[in-house]
Protein backbone atom coordinates (compact mmCIF):
# COMPACT_ATOMS: atom_id res chain seq x y z
CA UNK A 1 1.47 11.06 22.47
CA UNK A 2 -0.64 11.53 19.35
CA UNK A 3 -0.80 10.46 15.73
CA UNK A 4 1.12 7.53 14.35
CA UNK A 5 3.21 6.94 17.46
CA UNK A 6 0.09 6.38 19.59
CA UNK A 7 -1.40 4.07 16.95
CA UNK A 8 1.87 2.12 16.80
CA UNK A 9 1.93 1.67 20.56
CA UNK A 10 -1.70 0.45 20.59
CA UNK A 11 -0.78 -2.03 17.83
CA UNK A 12 2.26 -3.18 19.82
CA UNK A 13 4.67 -1.84 17.18
CA UNK A 14 7.87 0.07 17.79
CA UNK A 15 6.72 3.72 17.73
CA UNK A 16 10.18 4.88 16.61
CA UNK A 17 9.67 3.09 13.26
CA UNK A 18 6.05 4.03 12.62
CA UNK A 19 4.39 7.34 11.91
CA UNK A 20 0.92 8.25 10.65
CA UNK A 21 1.95 8.60 7.02
CA UNK A 22 3.49 5.11 7.04
CA UNK A 23 0.15 3.63 8.15
CA UNK A 24 -1.52 5.55 5.31
CA UNK A 25 1.05 4.27 2.79
CA UNK A 26 0.61 0.69 4.02
CA UNK A 27 -3.18 0.91 3.77
CA UNK A 28 -3.04 2.33 0.24
CA UNK A 29 -0.66 -0.38 -0.94
CA UNK A 30 -2.80 -3.13 0.58
CA UNK A 31 -6.00 -1.73 -0.95
CA UNK A 32 -4.45 -1.65 -4.41
CA UNK A 33 -2.96 -5.14 -4.07
CA UNK A 34 -6.39 -6.37 -2.98
CA UNK A 35 -7.78 -5.17 -6.30
CA UNK A 36 -9.49 -1.96 -5.24
CA UNK A 37 -9.65 0.41 -8.19
CA UNK A 38 -6.89 3.03 -8.23
CA UNK A 39 -9.44 5.84 -8.71
CA UNK A 40 -11.28 4.71 -5.57
CA UNK A 41 -8.04 4.69 -3.56
CA UNK A 42 -7.21 8.12 -5.01
CA UNK A 43 -10.55 9.42 -3.72
CA UNK A 44 -10.15 7.82 -0.28
CA UNK A 45 -6.68 9.37 0.12
CA UNK A 46 -7.81 12.77 -1.14
CA UNK A 47 -5.18 12.90 -3.89
CA UNK A 48 -5.86 15.45 -6.61
CA UNK A 49 -3.41 13.78 -9.00
CA UNK A 50 -3.58 10.15 -10.06
CA UNK A 51 0.23 10.20 -10.26
CA UNK A 52 0.37 10.65 -6.49
CA UNK A 53 -1.71 7.50 -5.95
CA UNK A 54 0.17 5.49 -8.57
CA UNK A 55 3.33 5.48 -6.46
CA UNK A 56 1.65 2.77 -4.38
CA UNK A 57 1.29 0.51 -7.43
CA UNK A 58 4.83 -0.88 -7.29
CA UNK A 59 4.33 -4.64 -7.68
CA UNK A 60 5.68 -6.97 -5.02
CA UNK A 61 8.07 -9.76 -5.95
CA UNK A 62 5.22 -12.23 -5.36
CA UNK A 63 2.95 -10.33 -7.77
CA UNK A 64 5.68 -10.27 -10.40
CA UNK A 65 6.28 -14.02 -10.05
CA UNK A 66 2.55 -14.81 -10.20
CA UNK A 67 2.15 -12.67 -13.32
CA UNK A 68 5.07 -14.38 -15.00
CA UNK A 69 3.71 -17.82 -14.07
CA UNK A 70 0.41 -16.98 -15.81
CA UNK A 71 2.14 -16.29 -19.12
CA UNK A 72 5.08 -18.69 -18.96
CA UNK A 73 5.17 -21.30 -21.67
CA UNK A 74 5.77 -24.91 -20.66
CA UNK A 75 9.22 -26.21 -21.56
């Protein structure tokens, strides 16, 4: 067994639900949410187009709530 399935098994994850590209997607999303510059992530992933990297920028519900809390006016 090679690729994502082998990595999933070593990480004690169900190999039927994980594949190499999913690990890559998860890493990219976590890097961006941690504040790593999108151009740096683009370079690490080898994307020629910034649009390809930007698909990982979808904000989580927690990020949306935190952003709203920063601008919310007191009632």
